[in-house]
Amino acid sequence: MKRIMEKSPVVGYQLFRWEKRKVDGSTATLAKYYVRHLGKDICTKTDRLTAAKNFVKKIAGEQAHEKRRKSMRPDEVTIGRLLDLVVEDYEVNGQKTIANLKGQIKHSLRPFFGKMTAGDLDSDQIDRWLVWRKKYRLRKSVRGGHSELQPSSINRELSVLRRAYQLGYERKPQLVEKIPPIKKLAEGNVRKGFVSPEQYRALLEELPAHLRGITVVAFHVANRKGELLKLEWEDVDLDGEPPVFTLWPGETKNREGRTLPILEGEMMDTLRALKKEHDTKYPTQPHVFLNEEGKPLQYHMMRKTWDDACTRGKLPGLLFHDLRRSGVRNLRRAGVTQKVAREFSGHKTDSVFNRYDISDFGDLRDAAAKLRRYLREGDAKKEEEKEDQKT
């Protein structure tokens, strides 16, 4: 093989195509262009000379940027560079919320911190950012949402900032010498949305037919809405012993799979009815939950209809996610241990699970009744012991 050289747009980078000698002694020039730099050949994956030269410029720029990054001293690294590490980390790990992360960095963190040297960040800079950040929202508030930016939203962005420093600190060589203290705001968004069985029945009566199925399943087994919206019939075993449906690893929020039972009664009847409708009307559609047109249901399709049904059912402001909280509470009330309940709901830690397992007045009333019975039994036992002592 012989190289046919072309003029490279960057010094130190050779641009060429391979010339191959055939068995009959003739030669043929291969179509694709290659780049050689530091003894390594890279295929440009194009047979167009202009595109190949652009490729040379691109990789030369990337390699120069990487060389510059490796040689940077900690006092030269900008916060913008650290934020790039967070994006790279999300891409490598396939995080589903990467679009939201990029929006936070582009519109909130980078405009204020991007050009600042990493070592210059202190509490005064963060306080100035907080004042600047609270003046506007990144997106309009949805119906029923908060009119002002909430501490929880700001804290998510502060978490991104701290993660950027952590990744810079863990790099070899380190891009920052220390992780500065980044104090978060106090949050008052206690999760308190629940539905009782009676409210759940009232809501079902107000919902259109295509939303009842997903509502029934969510109330019974405490799934996230994203898990249910992606559920396909090949993952549902209605005739198994016991009947179950499977959420596969990588398709859930915590990336872990789990298998959940299908409860006899309302949940089973609902899924069987949906399966019958699927086999009759939409046999080629793999998804379990569909919209009115027989297409895969998506949350933006159901939001307004859901809100309207909640208002008619005298449950204004109820979120679909509140069904998940209700499912968790029902598991605990049924006497299911916290470990097993966590396997149902997919919570990885007790601390997160406990934010869903919130007691209401009914729980306190039942606890008071149990305590009262216990104390009465104790008093009665003492009276019996006194009587025995007298005799």
Protein backbone atom coordinates (compact mmCIF):
# COMPACT_ATOMS: atom_id res chain seq x y z
CA MET A 1 0.00 0.00 0.00
CA LYS A 2 1.28 3.46 -0.92
CA ARG A 3 0.12 6.83 0.32
CA ILE A 4 -1.05 9.51 -2.12
CA MET A 5 -0.49 12.78 -0.30
CA GLU A 6 -2.71 15.88 -0.35
CA LYS A 7 -1.95 19.34 1.01
CA SER A 8 -3.01 19.43 4.67
CA PRO A 9 -4.60 22.58 6.13
CA VAL A 10 -2.79 22.06 9.47
CA VAL A 11 0.94 21.74 9.97
CA GLY A 12 1.93 18.41 11.49
CA TYR A 13 -1.14 16.58 10.14
CA GLN A 14 -0.72 14.57 6.93
CA LEU A 15 -3.72 14.10 4.64
CA PHE A 16 -3.65 11.22 2.16
CA ARG A 17 -5.40 8.34 0.44
CA TRP A 18 -4.14 4.81 0.08
CA GLU A 19 -3.06 3.41 -3.28
CA LYS A 20 -3.47 -0.35 -3.48
CA ARG A 21 -1.68 -2.61 -5.97
CA LYS A 22 -3.86 -5.28 -7.56
CA VAL A 23 -2.86 -8.84 -8.41
CA ASP A 24 -2.56 -8.02 -12.11
CA GLY A 25 -0.02 -5.29 -11.35
CA SER A 26 -2.35 -2.32 -11.80
CA THR A 27 -3.10 0.14 -9.00
CA ALA A 28 -6.30 1.57 -7.51
CA THR A 29 -6.71 4.54 -5.22
CA LEU A 30 -9.06 3.92 -2.28
CA ALA A 31 -11.82 6.50 -1.92
CA LYS A 32 -11.61 7.46 1.74
CA TYR A 33 -9.11 10.03 3.01
CA TYR A 34 -6.91 9.42 6.06
CA VAL A 35 -5.11 11.67 8.52
CA ARG A 36 -1.74 10.80 10.09
CA HIS A 37 -0.55 12.54 13.25
CA LEU A 38 2.12 11.36 15.69
CA GLY A 39 2.33 8.02 13.88
CA LYS A 40 -1.40 7.27 14.12
CA ASP A 41 -3.73 6.97 11.11
CA ILE A 42 -7.34 8.15 11.41
CA CYS A 43 -9.97 7.55 8.72
CA THR A 44 -11.95 10.69 7.84
CA LYS A 45 -14.87 8.52 6.65
CA THR A 46 -15.31 10.73 3.59
CA ASP A 47 -14.16 10.65 -0.03
CA ARG A 48 -14.55 14.41 -0.49
CA LEU A 49 -11.35 16.42 -0.21
CA THR A 50 -13.07 19.51 1.25
CA ALA A 51 -14.80 17.45 3.93
CA ALA A 52 -11.54 15.66 4.70
CA LYS A 53 -9.71 18.98 5.22
CA ASN A 54 -12.47 20.15 7.56
CA PHE A 55 -12.06 16.90 9.46
CA VAL A 56 -8.32 17.63 9.87
CA LYS A 57 -9.10 21.09 11.27
CA LYS A 58 -11.65 19.63 13.66
CA ILE A 59 -9.44 16.94 15.17
CA ALA A 60 -6.47 19.31 15.31
CA GLY A 61 -8.60 21.76 17.30
CA GLU A 62 -9.87 19.04 19.64
CA GLN A 63 -6.40 17.69 20.28
CA ALA A 64 -5.01 21.16 20.88
CA HIS A 65 -7.84 21.84 23.33
CA GLU A 66 -7.15 18.58 25.15
CA LYS A 67 -3.43 19.32 25.29
CA ARG A 68 -4.17 22.76 26.66
CA ARG A 69 -6.55 21.30 29.26
CA LYS A 70 -3.99 18.80 30.48
CA SER A 71 -1.35 21.48 30.84
CA MET A 72 -3.62 23.99 32.61
CA ARG A 73 -2.75 24.90 36.17
CA PRO A 74 -5.57 24.84 38.73
CA ASP A 75 -5.50 28.64 38.90
CA GLU A 76 -6.24 28.82 35.14
CA VAL A 77 -9.25 26.50 35.00
CA THR A 78 -12.59 28.24 34.51
CA ILE A 79 -15.91 27.16 35.98
CA GLY A 80 -17.15 26.83 32.41
CA ARG A 81 -14.61 24.05 31.87
CA LEU A 82 -15.79 22.30 35.01
CA LEU A 83 -19.40 22.51 33.82
CA ASP A 84 -18.29 20.80 30.60
CA LEU A 85 -17.15 17.88 32.75
CA VAL A 86 -20.68 17.46 34.10
CA VAL A 87 -22.11 17.29 30.57
CA GLU A 88 -19.45 14.75 29.58
CA ASP A 89 -20.25 12.68 32.67
CA TYR A 90 -23.97 12.67 31.82
CA GLU A 91 -23.25 11.63 28.24
CA VAL A 92 -20.93 8.79 29.27
CA ASN A 93 -23.44 7.43 31.78
CA GLY A 94 -26.46 7.87 29.51
CA GLN A 95 -28.40 10.06 31.94
CA LYS A 96 -31.92 10.71 30.71
CA THR A 97 -32.08 14.21 32.16
CA ILE A 98 -29.17 15.51 30.10
CA ALA A 99 -31.39 17.91 28.13
CA ASN A 100 -32.55 19.52 31.37
CA LEU A 101 -28.95 19.69 32.61
CA LYS A 102 -27.77 21.43 29.44
CA GLY A 103 -30.57 23.97 29.83
CA GLN A 104 -29.57 24.74 33.41
CA ILE A 105 -25.95 25.22 32.40
CA LYS A 106 -26.68 27.25 29.27
CA HIS A 107 -29.25 29.66 30.72
CA SER A 108 -28.34 29.88 34.39
CA LEU A 109 -24.84 28.74 35.41
CA ARG A 110 -22.65 29.50 32.40
CA PRO A 111 -23.80 33.12 31.84
CA PHE A 112 -22.82 34.04 35.40
CA PHE A 113 -19.99 31.65 36.30
CA GLY A 114 -18.68 30.46 32.92
CA LYS A 115 -15.64 32.76 32.55
CA MET A 116 -14.85 32.91 36.26
CA THR A 117 -11.66 31.18 37.41
CA ALA A 118 -12.57 28.13 39.48
CA GLY A 119 -10.48 29.28 42.43
CA ASP A 120 -12.37 32.59 42.66
CA LEU A 121 -15.72 31.06 43.66
CA ASP A 122 -16.76 32.01 47.18
CA SER A 123 -19.94 32.60 49.19
CA ASP A 124 -20.17 36.22 48.03
CA GLN A 125 -20.17 35.15 44.38
CA ILE A 126 -22.90 32.58 45.06
CA ASP A 127 -24.98 35.20 46.93
CA ARG A 128 -24.72 37.55 43.95
CA TRP A 129 -25.77 34.70 41.64
CA LEU A 130 -28.80 33.98 43.86
CA VAL A 131 -29.95 37.60 43.59
CA TRP A 132 -29.46 37.51 39.82
CA ARG A 133 -31.09 34.08 39.45
CA LYS A 134 -34.26 34.92 41.38
CA LYS A 135 -35.07 37.79 39.03
CA TYR A 136 -36.26 35.51 36.25
CA ARG A 137 -37.45 32.01 35.46
CA LEU A 138 -35.96 29.77 32.78
CA ARG A 139 -39.43 28.77 31.65
CA LYS A 140 -42.98 29.88 32.22
CA SER A 141 -44.81 28.37 35.16
CA VAL A 142 -47.39 25.76 34.24
CA ARG A 143 -51.00 26.02 35.26
CA GLY A 144 -51.29 25.55 38.99
CA GLY A 145 -47.53 25.99 39.46
CA HIS A 146 -45.61 28.50 41.54
CA SER A 147 -45.44 32.10 40.35
CA GLU A 148 -42.00 32.55 41.92
CA LEU A 149 -38.84 30.52 41.51
CA GLN A 150 -38.73 27.90 44.24
CA PRO A 151 -35.70 27.04 46.43
CA SER A 152 -35.82 23.47 45.13
CA SER A 153 -35.19 24.67 41.56
CA ILE A 154 -32.23 26.79 42.64
CA ASN A 155 -30.83 23.91 44.71
CA ARG A 156 -30.82 21.62 41.70
CA GLU A 157 -28.60 24.11 39.89
CA LEU A 158 -26.34 24.47 42.92
CA SER A 159 -26.00 20.68 42.90
CA VAL A 160 -24.78 20.86 39.29
CA LEU A 161 -22.22 23.50 40.30
CA ARG A 162 -20.93 21.37 43.17
CA ARG A 163 -20.80 18.29 40.94
CA ALA A 164 -18.66 20.26 38.49
CA TYR A 165 -16.09 20.96 41.21
CA GLN A 166 -16.20 17.37 42.40
CA LEU A 167 -15.41 16.05 38.91
CA GLY A 168 -12.61 18.59 38.54
CA TYR A 169 -11.17 17.52 41.88
CA GLU A 170 -11.26 13.84 40.90
CA ARG A 171 -9.47 14.36 37.57
CA LYS A 172 -5.89 13.18 37.13
CA PRO A 173 -4.23 15.64 37.20
CA GLN A 174 -6.63 17.66 39.33
CA LEU A 175 -8.28 20.68 37.76
CA VAL A 176 -9.16 22.20 41.14
CA GLU A 177 -7.36 21.96 44.45
CA LYS A 178 -10.48 21.86 46.62
CA ILE A 179 -14.28 21.73 46.50
CA PRO A 180 -15.67 24.99 47.88
CA PRO A 181 -18.59 24.85 50.34
CA ILE A 182 -21.83 25.45 48.41
CA LYS A 183 -24.70 25.92 50.83
CA LYS A 184 -28.20 25.17 49.59
CA LEU A 185 -31.42 26.97 50.40
CA ALA A 186 -33.98 25.58 52.82
CA GLU A 187 -36.78 23.81 50.98
CA GLY A 188 -40.38 23.84 52.09
CA ASN A 189 -41.82 21.61 49.38
CA VAL A 190 -42.97 18.77 51.64
CA ARG A 191 -44.66 16.05 49.62
CA LYS A 192 -48.23 15.84 50.87
CA GLY A 193 -50.39 14.92 47.89
CA PHE A 194 -52.34 11.71 48.46
CA VAL A 195 -55.63 10.20 47.42
CA SER A 196 -57.80 8.02 49.61
CA PRO A 197 -59.58 5.01 48.08
CA GLU A 198 -62.79 7.07 48.01
CA GLN A 199 -61.09 9.97 46.20
CA TYR A 200 -59.47 7.53 43.80
CA ARG A 201 -62.92 6.13 42.90
CA ALA A 202 -64.28 9.62 42.35
CA LEU A 203 -61.34 10.47 40.10
CA LEU A 204 -61.80 7.34 37.98
CA GLU A 205 -65.39 8.35 37.23
CA GLU A 206 -64.22 11.71 35.87
CA LEU A 207 -61.33 10.40 33.76
CA PRO A 208 -61.78 9.47 30.08
CA ALA A 209 -61.48 5.78 29.25
CA HIS A 210 -57.94 5.98 27.84
CA LEU A 211 -56.56 7.36 31.14
CA ARG A 212 -58.29 4.98 33.53
CA GLY A 213 -55.99 2.03 32.86
CA ILE A 214 -52.73 3.80 33.68
CA THR A 215 -54.38 5.39 36.73
CA VAL A 216 -55.51 2.02 38.09
CA VAL A 217 -52.05 0.48 37.74
CA ALA A 218 -50.29 3.52 39.25
CA PHE A 219 -52.56 3.50 42.30
CA HIS A 220 -52.04 -0.21 42.93
CA VAL A 221 -48.27 -0.65 42.55
CA ALA A 222 -46.71 2.83 43.02
CA ASN A 223 -44.93 3.07 39.67
CA ARG A 224 -43.39 6.21 38.23
CA LYS A 225 -45.38 7.57 35.30
CA GLY A 226 -42.36 7.26 32.98
CA GLU A 227 -42.10 3.54 33.75
CA LEU A 228 -45.76 2.99 32.94
CA LEU A 229 -45.76 5.06 29.76
CA LYS A 230 -42.93 2.89 28.37
CA LEU A 231 -44.48 -0.43 29.43
CA GLU A 232 -44.97 -2.88 26.54
CA TRP A 233 -47.15 -5.97 26.29
CA GLU A 234 -44.17 -8.30 25.85
CA ASP A 235 -43.20 -7.38 29.41
CA VAL A 236 -46.64 -8.22 30.84
CA ASP A 237 -47.45 -11.80 31.81
CA LEU A 238 -51.16 -11.93 32.64
CA ASP A 239 -51.28 -15.75 32.80
CA GLY A 240 -48.19 -16.34 34.89
CA GLU A 241 -48.06 -17.92 38.32
CA PRO A 242 -48.21 -15.30 39.70
CA PRO A 243 -49.14 -12.70 37.03
CA VAL A 244 -46.40 -10.07 36.81
CA PHE A 245 -44.98 -7.30 34.66
CA THR A 246 -41.29 -6.54 34.30
CA LEU A 247 -39.36 -3.28 34.25
CA TRP A 248 -35.97 -3.94 32.72
CA PRO A 249 -32.60 -2.58 33.94
CA GLY A 250 -31.75 0.69 32.25
CA GLU A 251 -35.41 1.59 31.66
CA THR A 252 -36.12 2.93 35.14
CA LYS A 253 -35.02 6.12 36.87
CA ASN A 254 -32.48 4.36 39.08
CA ARG A 255 -31.35 2.14 36.15
CA GLU A 256 -32.33 -1.01 38.08
CA GLY A 257 -34.99 -3.45 36.92
CA ARG A 258 -37.74 -5.00 39.00
CA THR A 259 -40.65 -7.39 38.61
CA LEU A 260 -44.01 -6.42 40.08
CA PRO A 261 -47.14 -8.49 40.75
CA ILE A 262 -50.42 -7.88 38.99
CA LEU A 263 -53.07 -7.79 41.73
CA GLU A 264 -56.21 -9.85 41.30
CA GLY A 265 -59.37 -7.81 40.99
CA GLU A 266 -59.46 -4.32 39.56
CA MET A 267 -55.85 -4.20 38.35
CA MET A 268 -56.02 -7.60 36.64
CA ASP A 269 -59.45 -6.86 35.11
CA THR A 270 -58.21 -3.53 33.77
CA LEU A 271 -55.12 -5.02 32.13
CA ARG A 272 -57.11 -7.89 30.62
CA ALA A 273 -59.57 -5.39 29.13
CA LEU A 274 -56.68 -3.36 27.68
CA LYS A 275 -55.13 -6.54 26.24
CA LYS A 276 -58.40 -7.51 24.60
CA GLU A 277 -58.71 -4.03 23.07
CA HIS A 278 -55.08 -4.24 21.92
CA ASP A 279 -55.60 -7.61 20.20
CA THR A 280 -58.78 -6.38 18.50
CA LYS A 281 -57.92 -2.82 17.46
CA TYR A 282 -54.16 -2.29 17.73
CA PRO A 283 -52.38 -5.66 17.35
CA THR A 284 -49.18 -4.07 16.00
CA GLN A 285 -48.89 -1.52 18.80
CA PRO A 286 -46.43 -2.75 21.47
CA HIS A 287 -47.25 -0.23 24.21
CA VAL A 288 -49.79 -1.01 26.92
CA PHE A 289 -51.19 2.47 27.48
CA LEU A 290 -52.46 4.33 24.41
CA ASN A 291 -54.22 7.61 23.73
CA GLU A 292 -57.62 7.98 22.11
CA GLU A 293 -56.12 7.48 18.65
CA GLY A 294 -54.34 4.25 19.56
CA LYS A 295 -50.87 5.80 19.71
CA PRO A 296 -48.44 5.49 22.64
CA LEU A 297 -49.62 7.68 25.49
CA GLN A 298 -47.29 10.53 26.46
CA TYR A 299 -47.57 12.71 29.52
CA HIS A 300 -48.05 15.97 27.65
CA MET A 301 -51.07 14.38 25.97
CA MET A 302 -52.79 13.66 29.27
CA ARG A 303 -51.86 16.63 31.44
CA LYS A 304 -54.76 19.00 30.64
CA THR A 305 -57.31 16.18 30.62
CA TRP A 306 -55.95 14.97 33.96
CA ASP A 307 -56.13 18.44 35.52
CA ASP A 308 -59.71 18.95 34.32
CA ALA A 309 -60.80 15.56 35.68
CA CYS A 310 -59.19 16.33 39.06
CA THR A 311 -61.05 19.63 39.23
CA ARG A 312 -64.38 17.96 38.47
CA GLY A 313 -63.59 15.26 41.06
CA LYS A 314 -62.96 17.96 43.71
CA LEU A 315 -59.23 17.19 43.77
CA PRO A 316 -57.79 20.37 42.22
CA GLY A 317 -54.01 20.45 41.94
CA LEU A 318 -53.62 16.68 42.29
CA LEU A 319 -50.58 15.38 40.41
CA PHE A 320 -50.34 12.02 38.69
CA HIS A 321 -47.25 11.48 40.84
CA ASP A 322 -49.51 11.66 43.91
CA LEU A 323 -50.79 8.20 42.94
CA ARG A 324 -47.26 6.92 43.52
CA ARG A 325 -47.17 8.50 46.98
CA SER A 326 -50.57 6.98 47.69
CA GLY A 327 -49.37 3.56 46.56
CA VAL A 328 -46.39 3.74 48.92
CA ARG A 329 -48.61 4.71 51.84
CA ASN A 330 -51.06 1.89 51.04
CA LEU A 331 -48.19 -0.62 51.09
CA ARG A 332 -47.11 0.49 54.56
CA ARG A 333 -50.69 0.52 55.86
CA ALA A 334 -51.14 -3.02 54.56
CA GLY A 335 -48.28 -4.10 56.82
CA VAL A 336 -45.66 -4.56 54.07
CA THR A 337 -42.14 -4.09 55.44
CA GLN A 338 -40.21 -1.03 54.34
CA LYS A 339 -37.63 -3.15 52.51
CA VAL A 340 -40.26 -4.92 50.40
CA ALA A 341 -42.19 -1.68 49.87
CA ARG A 342 -39.01 -0.10 48.52
CA GLU A 343 -38.64 -2.98 46.06
CA PHE A 344 -42.18 -2.25 44.89
CA SER A 345 -41.64 1.46 44.41
CA GLY A 346 -38.04 1.37 43.21
CA HIS A 347 -36.61 3.72 45.85
CA LYS A 348 -32.90 3.05 46.38
CA THR A 349 -32.62 4.54 49.86
CA ASP A 350 -34.71 4.76 53.00
CA SER A 351 -34.27 8.55 53.14
CA VAL A 352 -35.99 9.06 49.79
CA PHE A 353 -38.65 6.44 50.57
CA ASN A 354 -39.50 8.16 53.85
CA ARG A 355 -40.38 11.34 51.97
CA TYR A 356 -43.22 9.36 50.39
CA ASP A 357 -44.24 7.39 53.48
CA ILE A 358 -45.96 10.29 55.25
CA SER A 359 -48.57 9.77 57.95
CA ASP A 360 -51.86 11.65 57.87
CA PHE A 361 -54.52 12.26 60.53
CA GLY A 362 -56.02 8.83 59.96
CA ASP A 363 -52.70 7.16 60.72
CA LEU A 364 -52.35 9.20 63.92
CA ARG A 365 -55.89 8.35 64.97
CA ASP A 366 -55.24 4.62 64.47
CA ALA A 367 -51.98 4.90 66.40
CA ALA A 368 -53.78 6.68 69.25
CA ALA A 369 -56.39 3.93 69.39
CA LYS A 370 -53.70 1.24 69.54
CA LEU A 371 -51.87 3.14 72.27
CA ARG A 372 -55.07 3.57 74.24
CA ARG A 373 -55.81 -0.18 74.05
CA TYR A 374 -52.26 -0.96 75.15
CA LEU A 375 -52.45 1.34 78.16
CA ARG A 376 -55.85 -0.01 79.16
CA GLU A 377 -54.56 -3.57 78.97
CA GLY A 378 -51.59 -2.54 81.12
CA ASP A 379 -53.87 -0.92 83.74
CA ALA A 380 -56.11 -3.97 83.77
CA LYS A 381 -53.13 -6.24 84.27
CA LYS A 382 -51.92 -4.17 87.22
CA GLU A 383 -55.38 -4.32 88.81
CA GLU A 384 -55.37 -8.11 88.48
CA GLU A 385 -51.96 -8.30 90.14
CA LYS A 386 -53.19 -6.15 93.05
CA GLU A 387 -56.22 -8.38 93.52
CA ASP A 388 -53.98 -11.49 93.52
CA GLN A 389 -51.76 -9.93 96.16
CA LYS A 390 -54.78 -9.21 98.42
CA THR A 391 -55.97 -12.78 98.21
